[in-house]
Amino acid sequence: MPYSKSVGPFKRTVNQVSIGIGDYFASSQDVVIHTVLGSCVAVCLYDPGKKIGGMNHILMPFNPDINNYDASARYGINAMELLINAIMRLGGNRKKMVAKTFGGANLLMTVPQENAVGGKNVEFVVNFLRAEKIKILSRDFGGHDSRRIFFHIATGDVFLKRVPSLKSLVAAEQTKRNRIRERLEAPGDITLFD
């Protein structure tokens, strides 16, 4: 988790936190949160008055099944509510939060954009933030490149670096999706009574 080192574009030494697929992190400290995105979407939420913020890493846009509702932030609705609540627990004001959003690339170029999970992740995030009246200050969605995101809590600044799509990132996202689908499609335990 956190350690001290020079992070991305930030010249001075700060604490660094790396989040992966289905993770989120919030802080009121001088921290840089970073992640790498493919078709996933990251939302950086920030209360500028109190300098409290955080980031999530959303894998899938839809709601989880009822048995896995609290499983993780990999599902859009969980990721957003977990992050908002974490920021509020640190003293952030939900009504003052603003967002910067990134990701949603179509890494599998053989899949049409309208069927790609990245586009569905983007649609979910934009609709959620609009419904919650959280203003999006900046966004960078779509395309075919992966993105490395650095969110500096002390300033609210986000640095984005485009990187050619990483086959390992595509494979990791696809493996996670396949495991989740298999669990959702697996038959449940049924007890028959005579």
Protein backbone atom coordinates (compact mmCIF):
# COMPACT_ATOMS: atom_id res chain seq x y z
CA MET A 1 0.00 0.00 0.00
CA PRO A 2 1.35 3.50 0.74
CA TYR A 3 5.04 4.19 0.48
CA SER A 4 7.17 7.19 -0.25
CA LYS A 5 8.56 7.78 -3.72
CA SER A 6 8.41 10.18 -6.64
CA VAL A 7 5.16 9.41 -8.45
CA GLY A 8 4.39 10.00 -12.12
CA PRO A 9 4.50 13.69 -12.96
CA PHE A 10 4.67 14.80 -9.33
CA LYS A 11 8.21 16.04 -8.68
CA ARG A 12 8.15 15.97 -4.91
CA THR A 13 8.00 12.89 -2.77
CA VAL A 14 4.50 11.83 -1.76
CA ASN A 15 2.79 8.72 -0.47
CA GLN A 16 1.58 6.47 -3.25
CA VAL A 17 -1.33 4.03 -3.37
CA SER A 18 -1.90 1.70 -6.30
CA ILE A 19 -5.40 0.33 -6.84
CA GLY A 20 -6.34 -2.57 -9.07
CA ILE A 21 -9.47 -3.88 -10.71
CA GLY A 22 -12.39 -3.68 -8.30
CA ASP A 23 -10.52 -1.57 -5.72
CA TYR A 24 -11.11 1.91 -4.33
CA PHE A 25 -9.19 4.20 -1.99
CA ALA A 26 -10.02 7.51 -0.30
CA SER A 27 -7.86 9.84 1.79
CA SER A 28 -7.59 13.27 3.34
CA GLN A 29 -3.77 13.01 3.32
CA ASP A 30 -1.19 14.08 0.73
CA VAL A 31 -1.43 10.91 -1.36
CA VAL A 32 -1.23 10.05 -5.05
CA ILE A 33 -3.59 7.24 -6.07
CA HIS A 34 -2.80 5.53 -9.34
CA THR A 35 -4.12 2.76 -11.55
CA VAL A 36 -3.95 1.41 -15.09
CA LEU A 37 -7.17 1.25 -17.10
CA GLY A 38 -8.25 -0.57 -20.21
CA SER A 39 -11.99 -0.99 -20.69
CA CYS A 40 -12.46 -0.31 -16.97
CA VAL A 41 -13.38 3.19 -15.78
CA ALA A 42 -11.89 5.12 -12.87
CA VAL A 43 -13.73 7.94 -11.15
CA CYS A 44 -11.70 10.44 -9.13
CA LEU A 45 -14.06 12.12 -6.65
CA TYR A 46 -12.95 15.19 -4.74
CA ASP A 47 -14.26 17.65 -2.18
CA PRO A 48 -12.11 20.68 -3.10
CA GLY A 49 -12.96 22.66 0.02
CA LYS A 50 -11.76 19.98 2.39
CA LYS A 51 -9.15 18.41 0.07
CA ILE A 52 -10.58 14.93 0.57
CA GLY A 53 -10.87 12.55 -2.34
CA GLY A 54 -10.51 9.09 -3.74
CA MET A 55 -10.54 6.88 -6.79
CA ASN A 56 -12.26 3.65 -7.78
CA HIS A 57 -11.59 1.14 -10.57
CA ILE A 58 -14.86 -0.16 -12.10
CA LEU A 59 -14.77 -3.43 -14.03
CA MET A 60 -18.45 -3.84 -14.91
CA PRO A 61 -21.29 -1.37 -15.26
CA PHE A 62 -24.23 -3.41 -14.06
CA ASN A 63 -25.50 -4.23 -10.60
CA PRO A 64 -24.22 -7.38 -8.90
CA ASP A 65 -26.52 -10.25 -8.11
CA ILE A 66 -28.06 -10.15 -4.64
CA ASN A 67 -25.66 -12.81 -3.28
CA ASN A 68 -22.59 -10.70 -4.17
CA TYR A 69 -23.94 -7.22 -3.50
CA ASP A 70 -21.23 -6.26 -1.02
CA ALA A 71 -18.48 -8.25 -2.74
CA SER A 72 -16.31 -5.43 -4.05
CA ALA A 73 -16.05 -2.25 -6.01
CA ARG A 74 -15.77 -4.12 -9.31
CA TYR A 75 -19.46 -3.40 -10.01
CA GLY A 76 -20.39 0.17 -10.95
CA ILE A 77 -23.02 0.87 -8.30
CA ASN A 78 -20.90 -0.63 -5.50
CA ALA A 79 -17.77 1.20 -6.63
CA MET A 80 -19.51 4.56 -6.62
CA GLU A 81 -21.34 4.16 -3.30
CA LEU A 82 -18.30 2.69 -1.53
CA LEU A 83 -16.12 5.59 -2.70
CA ILE A 84 -18.68 8.29 -1.86
CA ASN A 85 -19.23 6.80 1.61
CA ALA A 86 -15.47 6.50 2.26
CA ILE A 87 -14.98 10.18 1.39
CA MET A 88 -17.92 11.20 3.59
CA ARG A 89 -16.51 9.17 6.52
CA LEU A 90 -13.31 11.23 6.19
CA GLY A 91 -15.35 14.45 6.43
CA GLY A 92 -16.10 15.13 2.75
CA ASN A 93 -19.40 16.69 1.75
CA ARG A 94 -21.36 14.72 -0.89
CA LYS A 95 -22.97 17.92 -2.20
CA LYS A 96 -19.58 19.54 -2.83
CA MET A 97 -17.96 16.59 -4.62
CA VAL A 98 -16.72 16.94 -8.19
CA ALA A 99 -15.47 14.20 -10.51
CA LYS A 100 -12.79 13.50 -13.06
CA THR A 101 -13.41 10.32 -15.05
CA PHE A 102 -11.26 8.15 -17.30
CA GLY A 103 -11.13 4.87 -19.20
CA GLY A 104 -13.64 2.89 -21.19
CA ALA A 105 -11.27 1.92 -24.00
CA ASN A 106 -12.27 -0.69 -26.55
CA LEU A 107 -9.24 -2.95 -26.28
CA LEU A 108 -10.70 -5.72 -28.42
CA MET A 109 -10.86 -4.05 -31.78
CA THR A 110 -12.87 -6.93 -33.22
CA VAL A 111 -15.77 -6.01 -30.92
CA PRO A 112 -17.96 -3.16 -32.23
CA GLN A 113 -17.80 -0.04 -30.01
CA GLU A 114 -21.55 -0.22 -29.20
CA ASN A 115 -21.10 -3.76 -27.80
CA ALA A 116 -17.85 -3.11 -25.96
CA VAL A 117 -17.88 -3.21 -22.16
CA GLY A 118 -15.81 0.00 -22.02
CA GLY A 119 -18.63 2.02 -23.56
CA LYS A 120 -21.13 0.50 -21.15
CA ASN A 121 -18.86 1.41 -18.21
CA VAL A 122 -18.68 5.00 -19.47
CA GLU A 123 -22.45 5.20 -19.91
CA PHE A 124 -23.02 3.92 -16.37
CA VAL A 125 -20.59 6.41 -14.79
CA VAL A 126 -21.92 9.44 -16.69
CA ASN A 127 -25.55 8.54 -15.87
CA PHE A 128 -24.74 7.86 -12.21
CA LEU A 129 -22.89 11.15 -11.73
CA ARG A 130 -25.65 13.07 -13.52
CA ALA A 131 -28.33 11.45 -11.32
CA GLU A 132 -26.31 12.25 -8.18
CA LYS A 133 -25.71 15.83 -9.37
CA ILE A 134 -21.93 15.40 -9.17
CA LYS A 135 -20.30 17.66 -11.73
CA ILE A 136 -17.76 16.10 -14.08
CA LEU A 137 -14.86 18.57 -14.36
CA SER A 138 -12.90 16.53 -16.90
CA ARG A 139 -13.17 13.24 -18.74
CA ASP A 140 -11.18 11.13 -21.12
CA PHE A 141 -13.07 8.11 -22.51
CA GLY A 142 -12.89 5.60 -25.33
CA GLY A 143 -10.24 4.94 -27.90
CA HIS A 144 -8.05 1.85 -28.03
CA ASP A 145 -5.20 2.82 -25.69
CA SER A 146 -4.82 1.94 -22.04
CA ARG A 147 -4.44 4.80 -19.57
CA ARG A 148 -2.25 5.25 -16.52
CA ILE A 149 -3.98 7.64 -14.08
CA PHE A 150 -2.38 9.53 -11.18
CA PHE A 151 -4.74 11.42 -8.82
CA HIS A 152 -3.09 13.81 -6.34
CA ILE A 153 -5.41 14.26 -3.34
CA ALA A 154 -3.72 17.41 -2.00
CA THR A 155 -4.38 19.38 -5.20
CA GLY A 156 -7.17 17.51 -6.98
CA ASP A 157 -4.96 17.27 -10.08
CA VAL A 158 -5.06 14.20 -12.29
CA PHE A 159 -2.29 13.22 -14.67
CA LEU A 160 -3.16 10.86 -17.51
CA LYS A 161 -0.63 8.98 -19.56
CA ARG A 162 -1.78 6.99 -22.58
CA VAL A 163 -0.02 3.71 -23.12
CA PRO A 164 -0.42 1.28 -25.99
CA SER A 165 -2.90 -1.42 -24.99
CA LEU A 166 -1.29 -4.05 -22.86
CA LYS A 167 -2.21 -7.60 -23.77
CA SER A 168 -1.80 -8.59 -20.12
CA LEU A 169 -4.29 -5.93 -19.03
CA VAL A 170 -6.82 -7.12 -21.61
CA ALA A 171 -6.30 -10.70 -20.47
CA ALA A 172 -6.66 -9.79 -16.77
CA GLU A 173 -9.91 -7.90 -17.37
CA GLN A 174 -11.32 -10.72 -19.52
CA THR A 175 -10.36 -13.38 -16.97
CA LYS A 176 -12.10 -11.46 -14.17
CA ARG A 177 -15.23 -11.00 -16.30
CA ASN A 178 -15.32 -14.68 -17.22
CA ARG A 179 -14.98 -15.77 -13.57
CA ILE A 180 -17.81 -13.47 -12.54
CA ARG A 181 -20.06 -14.68 -15.37
CA GLU A 182 -19.36 -18.30 -14.44
CA ARG A 183 -20.29 -17.63 -10.81
CA LEU A 184 -23.45 -15.79 -11.83
CA GLU A 185 -24.47 -18.56 -14.24
CA ALA A 186 -23.66 -21.43 -11.85
CA PRO A 187 -26.74 -23.13 -10.46
CA GLY A 188 -27.46 -22.41 -6.84
CA ASP A 189 -28.02 -24.99 -4.12
CA ILE A 190 -31.54 -26.35 -4.20
CA THR A 191 -33.08 -28.43 -1.46
CA LEU A 192 -36.11 -30.51 -2.37
CA PHE A 193 -38.57 -31.54 0.30
CA ASP A 194 -40.85 -34.54 0.02
